[in-house]
Amino acid sequence: MVSQELLRRHTFFASFDEPQRKLLAQITDEIHCAAGRTFFEEGESADALYLLLSGSVDLYFNVLTEQHGEFLIGEVNPGEPFAISALIPPYILQHTARAGKPCHVLKLDARALRALSDKDATLGYILMRHITQAAMERLHFTRIQLAAAQVRTPEPEMAFA
């Protein structure tokens, strides 16, 4: 549990009223961690929604290729949520998250957060607005990465008889 004051100071929680922030504070823990800490792995059940307060978190996707690698697909900046799959069925994490720098993070219990959203439609609406915005920003970043990585193959030469 964290203080309501901690939530009040961050823009992510600005749209929630005091009673909603009180409920959110009750299901939120504060985490300080060193660079390199893995928050979760791709494919795991999404049991928490995270909000980065300071530091950076790198997002990775495991790709089975000849190199069998883990590819950096994005970075979470302060003020942004991550593990948004905690609010989107089937609640399975779509990437791995690792602290790129020492981090200060808020961790909200996903099951309790979904229950609060079911009880308070306004809270759920505000929360989903934030989550949708984060999803759209990540999609935009992914499109930029795909465009930059596109390999142009030369057109085949025409054979003349």
C-alpha atoms as a PDB file:
ATOM      1  CA  MET A   1       0.000   0.000   0.000  1.00  0.00           C
ATOM      2  CA  VAL A   2       1.232   3.505  -0.842  1.00  0.00           C
ATOM      3  CA  SER A   3       0.061   6.925   0.250  1.00  0.00           C
ATOM      4  CA  GLN A   4      -2.583   8.799  -1.695  1.00  0.00           C
ATOM      5  CA  GLU A   5      -0.144  11.703  -1.771  1.00  0.00           C
ATOM      6  CA  LEU A   6       2.306   9.638  -3.820  1.00  0.00           C
ATOM      7  CA  LEU A   7      -0.431   8.947  -6.376  1.00  0.00           C
ATOM      8  CA  ARG A   8      -1.634  12.559  -6.369  1.00  0.00           C
ATOM      9  CA  ARG A   9       1.826  13.765  -7.493  1.00  0.00           C
ATOM     10  CA  HIS A  10       1.766  11.801 -10.760  1.00  0.00           C
ATOM     11  CA  THR A  11      -0.145  12.752 -13.900  1.00  0.00           C
ATOM     12  CA  PHE A  12      -1.263   9.164 -14.490  1.00  0.00           C
ATOM     13  CA  PHE A  13      -3.530   9.494 -11.440  1.00  0.00           C
ATOM     14  CA  ALA A  14      -4.593  13.137 -11.974  1.00  0.00           C
ATOM     15  CA  SER A  15      -7.964  12.245 -13.547  1.00  0.00           C
ATOM     16  CA  PHE A  16      -9.015  10.070 -10.613  1.00  0.00           C
ATOM     17  CA  ASP A  17     -10.883  11.682  -7.733  1.00  0.00           C
ATOM     18  CA  GLU A  18      -9.793  11.371  -4.082  1.00  0.00           C
ATOM     19  CA  PRO A  19     -11.967   8.330  -3.228  1.00  0.00           C
ATOM     20  CA  GLN A  20     -10.678   6.537  -6.347  1.00  0.00           C
ATOM     21  CA  ARG A  21      -7.055   7.387  -5.483  1.00  0.00           C
ATOM     22  CA  LYS A  22      -7.648   6.036  -1.979  1.00  0.00           C
ATOM     23  CA  LEU A  23      -8.831   2.711  -3.445  1.00  0.00           C
ATOM     24  CA  LEU A  24      -5.929   2.620  -5.906  1.00  0.00           C
ATOM     25  CA  ALA A  25      -3.400   3.367  -3.139  1.00  0.00           C
ATOM     26  CA  GLN A  26      -4.642   0.317  -1.230  1.00  0.00           C
ATOM     27  CA  ILE A  27      -3.734  -2.037  -4.084  1.00  0.00           C
ATOM     28  CA  THR A  28      -0.427  -0.382  -5.008  1.00  0.00           C
ATOM     29  CA  ASP A  29       3.114  -1.182  -3.867  1.00  0.00           C
ATOM     30  CA  GLU A  30       6.237   0.889  -4.369  1.00  0.00           C
ATOM     31  CA  ILE A  31       9.359  -0.776  -5.773  1.00  0.00           C
ATOM     32  CA  HIS A  32      12.930   0.492  -6.047  1.00  0.00           C
ATOM     33  CA  CYS A  33      15.238  -1.698  -8.114  1.00  0.00           C
ATOM     34  CA  ALA A  34      18.646  -1.824  -9.729  1.00  0.00           C
ATOM     35  CA  ALA A  35      19.333  -1.859 -13.449  1.00  0.00           C
ATOM     36  CA  GLY A  36      18.975  -5.307 -14.963  1.00  0.00           C
ATOM     37  CA  ARG A  37      16.050  -6.482 -12.809  1.00  0.00           C
ATOM     38  CA  THR A  38      13.500  -8.453 -14.809  1.00  0.00           C
ATOM     39  CA  PHE A  39       9.960  -7.449 -13.883  1.00  0.00           C
ATOM     40  CA  PHE A  40       8.306 -10.208 -15.890  1.00  0.00           C
ATOM     41  CA  GLU A  41       8.811 -12.538 -18.842  1.00  0.00           C
ATOM     42  CA  GLU A  42       6.848 -12.781 -22.066  1.00  0.00           C
ATOM     43  CA  GLY A  43       4.083 -15.393 -21.833  1.00  0.00           C
ATOM     44  CA  GLU A  44       3.547 -15.116 -18.074  1.00  0.00           C
ATOM     45  CA  SER A  45       0.212 -14.294 -16.512  1.00  0.00           C
ATOM     46  CA  ALA A  46      -0.202 -10.521 -16.108  1.00  0.00           C
ATOM     47  CA  ASP A  47      -0.700 -10.166 -12.376  1.00  0.00           C
ATOM     48  CA  ALA A  48       0.213  -6.476 -12.090  1.00  0.00           C
ATOM     49  CA  LEU A  49       0.097  -3.168 -13.897  1.00  0.00           C
ATOM     50  CA  TYR A  50       3.243  -1.084 -13.431  1.00  0.00           C
ATOM     51  CA  LEU A  51       3.812   2.654 -13.605  1.00  0.00           C
ATOM     52  CA  LEU A  52       7.377   3.872 -14.041  1.00  0.00           C
ATOM     53  CA  LEU A  53       8.136   6.871 -11.824  1.00  0.00           C
ATOM     54  CA  SER A  54      11.863   7.209 -12.573  1.00  0.00           C
ATOM     55  CA  GLY A  55      14.551   5.322 -14.462  1.00  0.00           C
ATOM     56  CA  SER A  56      13.875   3.344 -17.624  1.00  0.00           C
ATOM     57  CA  VAL A  57      12.462  -0.042 -18.505  1.00  0.00           C
ATOM     58  CA  ASP A  58      13.326  -1.880 -21.708  1.00  0.00           C
ATOM     59  CA  LEU A  59      10.783  -4.117 -23.418  1.00  0.00           C
ATOM     60  CA  TYR A  60      11.944  -7.226 -25.267  1.00  0.00           C
ATOM     61  CA  PHE A  61      10.300  -9.729 -27.571  1.00  0.00           C
ATOM     62  CA  ASN A  62      11.680 -13.241 -27.975  1.00  0.00           C
ATOM     63  CA  VAL A  63      11.942 -14.197 -31.605  1.00  0.00           C
ATOM     64  CA  LEU A  64      12.731 -17.684 -32.797  1.00  0.00           C
ATOM     65  CA  THR A  65      15.070 -17.090 -35.697  1.00  0.00           C
ATOM     66  CA  GLU A  66      18.389 -18.537 -36.730  1.00  0.00           C
ATOM     67  CA  GLN A  67      19.949 -16.322 -34.069  1.00  0.00           C
ATOM     68  CA  HIS A  68      17.248 -17.207 -31.467  1.00  0.00           C
ATOM     69  CA  GLY A  69      17.345 -13.748 -30.012  1.00  0.00           C
ATOM     70  CA  GLU A  70      15.691 -11.340 -27.724  1.00  0.00           C
ATOM     71  CA  PHE A  71      14.933  -8.087 -29.524  1.00  0.00           C
ATOM     72  CA  LEU A  72      14.481  -4.682 -27.956  1.00  0.00           C
ATOM     73  CA  ILE A  73      11.044  -3.480 -29.016  1.00  0.00           C
ATOM     74  CA  GLY A  74      10.596  -0.405 -26.868  1.00  0.00           C
ATOM     75  CA  GLU A  75      11.425   1.617 -23.825  1.00  0.00           C
ATOM     76  CA  VAL A  76       9.145   2.781 -21.033  1.00  0.00           C
ATOM     77  CA  ASN A  77       9.761   6.334 -19.854  1.00  0.00           C
ATOM     78  CA  PRO A  78       8.850   7.910 -16.517  1.00  0.00           C
ATOM     79  CA  GLY A  79       5.107   8.440 -16.169  1.00  0.00           C
ATOM     80  CA  GLU A  80       4.229   5.577 -18.514  1.00  0.00           C
ATOM     81  CA  PRO A  81       2.469   2.328 -17.606  1.00  0.00           C
ATOM     82  CA  PHE A  82       3.756  -1.089 -18.609  1.00  0.00           C
ATOM     83  CA  ALA A  83       2.379  -4.633 -18.409  1.00  0.00           C
ATOM     84  CA  ILE A  84      -0.826  -3.216 -19.870  1.00  0.00           C
ATOM     85  CA  SER A  85      -1.865  -6.791 -20.648  1.00  0.00           C
ATOM     86  CA  ALA A  86      -2.963  -6.872 -17.004  1.00  0.00           C
ATOM     87  CA  LEU A  87      -6.138  -5.115 -18.173  1.00  0.00           C
ATOM     88  CA  ILE A  88      -6.585  -6.736 -21.576  1.00  0.00           C
ATOM     89  CA  PRO A  89      -7.898 -10.323 -21.846  1.00  0.00           C
ATOM     90  CA  PRO A  90      -6.498 -12.980 -21.847  1.00  0.00           C
ATOM     91  CA  TYR A  91      -4.155 -11.207 -19.355  1.00  0.00           C
ATOM     92  CA  ILE A  92      -0.972 -12.753 -20.772  1.00  0.00           C
ATOM     93  CA  LEU A  93       2.190 -10.643 -21.019  1.00  0.00           C
ATOM     94  CA  GLN A  94       3.279  -9.955 -24.593  1.00  0.00           C
ATOM     95  CA  HIS A  95       6.927  -9.079 -23.897  1.00  0.00           C
ATOM     96  CA  THR A  96       9.675  -9.180 -21.281  1.00  0.00           C
ATOM     97  CA  ALA A  97      10.375  -6.058 -19.189  1.00  0.00           C
ATOM     98  CA  ARG A  98      13.781  -5.329 -17.686  1.00  0.00           C
ATOM     99  CA  ALA A  99      15.085  -2.254 -15.858  1.00  0.00           C
ATOM    100  CA  GLY A 100      17.439  -0.393 -18.182  1.00  0.00           C
ATOM    101  CA  LYS A 101      18.469   1.958 -15.351  1.00  0.00           C
ATOM    102  CA  PRO A 102      17.757   1.942 -11.630  1.00  0.00           C
ATOM    103  CA  CYS A 103      13.989   2.345 -11.290  1.00  0.00           C
ATOM    104  CA  HIS A 104      11.283   3.621  -8.999  1.00  0.00           C
ATOM    105  CA  VAL A 105       8.042   1.841  -9.919  1.00  0.00           C
ATOM    106  CA  LEU A 106       4.478   1.536  -8.700  1.00  0.00           C
ATOM    107  CA  LYS A 107       2.979  -1.958  -8.930  1.00  0.00           C
ATOM    108  CA  LEU A 108      -0.827  -2.239  -8.958  1.00  0.00           C
ATOM    109  CA  ASP A 109      -2.428  -5.617  -8.287  1.00  0.00           C
ATOM    110  CA  ALA A 110      -4.139  -6.574 -11.574  1.00  0.00           C
ATOM    111  CA  ARG A 111      -6.959  -8.689 -10.179  1.00  0.00           C
ATOM    112  CA  ALA A 112      -7.913  -5.997  -7.638  1.00  0.00           C
ATOM    113  CA  LEU A 113      -7.610  -3.305 -10.316  1.00  0.00           C
ATOM    114  CA  ARG A 114      -9.981  -5.176 -12.625  1.00  0.00           C
ATOM    115  CA  ALA A 115     -12.430  -5.617  -9.728  1.00  0.00           C
ATOM    116  CA  LEU A 116     -12.304  -1.872  -8.972  1.00  0.00           C
ATOM    117  CA  SER A 117     -12.919  -1.135 -12.661  1.00  0.00           C
ATOM    118  CA  ASP A 118     -15.961  -3.440 -12.631  1.00  0.00           C
ATOM    119  CA  LYS A 119     -17.389  -1.680  -9.554  1.00  0.00           C
ATOM    120  CA  ASP A 120     -16.624   1.882 -10.677  1.00  0.00           C
ATOM    121  CA  ALA A 121     -17.216   2.449 -14.380  1.00  0.00           C
ATOM    122  CA  THR A 122     -15.671   5.920 -14.261  1.00  0.00           C
ATOM    123  CA  LEU A 123     -12.471   4.559 -12.730  1.00  0.00           C
ATOM    124  CA  GLY A 124     -12.411   1.809 -15.356  1.00  0.00           C
ATOM    125  CA  TYR A 125     -12.987   4.299 -18.171  1.00  0.00           C
ATOM    126  CA  ILE A 126     -10.169   6.596 -17.003  1.00  0.00           C
ATOM    127  CA  LEU A 127      -7.852   3.632 -16.573  1.00  0.00           C
ATOM    128  CA  MET A 128      -8.615   2.238 -20.034  1.00  0.00           C
ATOM    129  CA  ARG A 129      -8.057   5.681 -21.594  1.00  0.00           C
ATOM    130  CA  HIS A 130      -4.532   5.640 -20.140  1.00  0.00           C
ATOM    131  CA  ILE A 131      -3.943   2.058 -21.244  1.00  0.00           C
ATOM    132  CA  THR A 132      -5.219   2.726 -24.756  1.00  0.00           C
ATOM    133  CA  GLN A 133      -2.946   5.738 -25.079  1.00  0.00           C
ATOM    134  CA  ALA A 134       0.049   3.643 -23.994  1.00  0.00           C
ATOM    135  CA  ALA A 135      -0.896   0.888 -26.466  1.00  0.00           C
ATOM    136  CA  MET A 136      -1.199   3.367 -29.336  1.00  0.00           C
ATOM    137  CA  GLU A 137       2.175   4.945 -28.517  1.00  0.00           C
ATOM    138  CA  ARG A 138       3.820   1.511 -28.462  1.00  0.00           C
ATOM    139  CA  LEU A 139       2.162   0.595 -31.760  1.00  0.00           C
ATOM    140  CA  HIS A 140       3.437   3.829 -33.317  1.00  0.00           C
ATOM    141  CA  PHE A 141       6.971   3.101 -32.039  1.00  0.00           C
ATOM    142  CA  THR A 142       6.757  -0.436 -33.451  1.00  0.00           C
ATOM    143  CA  ARG A 143       5.691   0.881 -36.855  1.00  0.00           C
ATOM    144  CA  ILE A 144       8.684   3.212 -36.907  1.00  0.00           C
ATOM    145  CA  GLN A 145      10.999   0.325 -36.025  1.00  0.00           C
ATOM    146  CA  LEU A 146       9.487  -1.870 -38.745  1.00  0.00           C
ATOM    147  CA  ALA A 147       9.847   0.862 -41.342  1.00  0.00           C
ATOM    148  CA  ALA A 148      13.483   1.418 -40.358  1.00  0.00           C
ATOM    149  CA  ALA A 149      14.225  -2.313 -40.458  1.00  0.00           C
ATOM    150  CA  GLN A 150      12.557  -2.962 -43.784  1.00  0.00           C
ATOM    151  CA  VAL A 151      14.998  -4.597 -46.121  1.00  0.00           C
ATOM    152  CA  ARG A 152      14.520  -3.542 -49.692  1.00  0.00           C
ATOM    153  CA  THR A 153      15.123  -6.395 -52.038  1.00  0.00           C
ATOM    154  CA  PRO A 154      16.103  -5.522 -55.574  1.00  0.00           C
ATOM    155  CA  GLU A 155      13.602  -6.392 -58.223  1.00  0.00           C
ATOM    156  CA  PRO A 156      14.567  -9.442 -60.276  1.00  0.00           C
ATOM    157  CA  GLU A 157      16.154  -8.702 -63.600  1.00  0.00           C
ATOM    158  CA  MET A 158      14.049  -9.448 -66.607  1.00  0.00           C
ATOM    159  CA  ALA A 159      15.470 -12.056 -68.923  1.00  0.00           C
ATOM    160  CA  PHE A 160      15.067 -11.262 -72.581  1.00  0.00           C
ATOM    161  CA  ALA A 161      14.935 -14.023 -75.138  1.00  0.00           C
END
